[in-house]
Amino acid sequence: MASEKTSVEIGFDGGQVIPARLTGDQVKSLRKAIGSGDSPHEIETEEGVLLIDLGKVIFVRISSGAKTVGF
């Protein structure tokens, strides 16, 4: 059974934002890496491998997981 994925957006200095769908373990690993400053950080996604320069990361938005329908 595939593990559930969370929507994450990684924002960089300069304005670029990369969206990704990560497992819970990948989200934990990213959060831990940002705290340590170990760079580059590697994340394997369905689209390919992301190598992230943590020194350029401005924000990480992690979806709450709440699904809503509306306008």
Protein backbone atom coordinates (compact mmCIF):
# COMPACT_ATOMS: atom_id res chain seq x y z
CA MET A 1 0.00 0.00 0.00
CA ALA A 2 1.40 3.41 -0.97
CA SER A 3 1.84 5.88 1.82
CA GLU A 4 -0.32 8.98 1.81
CA LYS A 5 1.34 12.08 0.41
CA THR A 6 1.17 15.67 1.59
CA SER A 7 1.23 18.74 -0.63
CA VAL A 8 4.28 20.88 0.06
CA GLU A 9 5.48 24.14 -1.50
CA ILE A 10 9.14 25.12 -1.15
CA GLY A 11 9.79 28.84 -1.65
CA PHE A 12 13.19 30.20 -2.59
CA ASP A 13 14.99 33.53 -2.42
CA GLY A 14 14.09 35.26 -5.67
CA GLY A 15 10.46 34.12 -5.67
CA GLN A 16 10.51 30.66 -7.24
CA VAL A 17 8.18 28.13 -5.59
CA ILE A 18 8.42 24.40 -6.22
CA PRO A 19 5.35 22.28 -5.41
CA ALA A 20 5.84 18.64 -4.44
CA ARG A 21 3.87 15.74 -3.02
CA LEU A 22 5.88 14.15 -0.20
CA THR A 23 5.40 11.27 2.21
CA GLY A 24 5.29 11.96 5.93
CA ASP A 25 8.87 10.68 6.28
CA GLN A 26 10.06 13.01 3.51
CA VAL A 27 8.38 15.99 5.19
CA LYS A 28 10.05 15.12 8.51
CA SER A 29 13.40 14.74 6.77
CA LEU A 30 13.03 18.12 5.03
CA ARG A 31 12.10 19.87 8.28
CA LYS A 32 15.07 18.30 10.06
CA ALA A 33 17.45 19.23 7.21
CA ILE A 34 16.32 22.88 7.25
CA GLY A 35 17.14 23.03 10.96
CA SER A 36 20.59 21.53 10.44
CA GLY A 37 21.57 23.52 7.36
CA ASP A 38 23.02 20.41 5.64
CA SER A 39 22.92 21.32 1.97
CA PRO A 40 22.07 20.20 -0.63
CA HIS A 41 19.11 18.17 0.57
CA GLU A 42 17.86 15.42 -1.76
CA ILE A 43 14.20 14.42 -2.08
CA GLU A 44 12.94 11.76 -4.48
CA THR A 45 9.51 12.62 -5.91
CA GLU A 46 7.25 11.04 -8.53
CA GLU A 47 8.58 13.59 -11.04
CA GLY A 48 12.25 13.01 -10.24
CA VAL A 49 14.89 13.97 -7.70
CA LEU A 50 14.98 17.44 -6.13
CA LEU A 51 18.33 18.75 -4.88
CA ILE A 52 17.55 21.69 -2.64
CA ASP A 53 20.03 24.39 -1.62
CA LEU A 54 18.76 24.95 1.92
CA GLY A 55 20.55 28.30 2.12
CA LYS A 56 18.14 29.66 -0.51
CA VAL A 57 14.91 28.33 1.07
CA ILE A 58 12.69 31.13 2.38
CA PHE A 59 9.64 29.07 3.35
CA VAL A 60 8.09 25.62 3.28
CA ARG A 61 4.30 25.45 3.20
CA ILE A 62 2.94 22.08 4.34
CA SER A 63 -0.70 21.36 3.56
CA SER A 64 -2.96 20.87 6.58
CA GLY A 65 -4.50 17.90 4.83
CA ALA A 66 -8.00 19.32 5.27
CA LYS A 67 -10.00 18.89 2.10
CA THR A 68 -12.68 21.47 1.45
CA VAL A 69 -15.04 22.17 -1.41
CA GLY A 70 -16.31 25.63 -2.07
CA PHE A 71 -15.73 28.97 -3.65
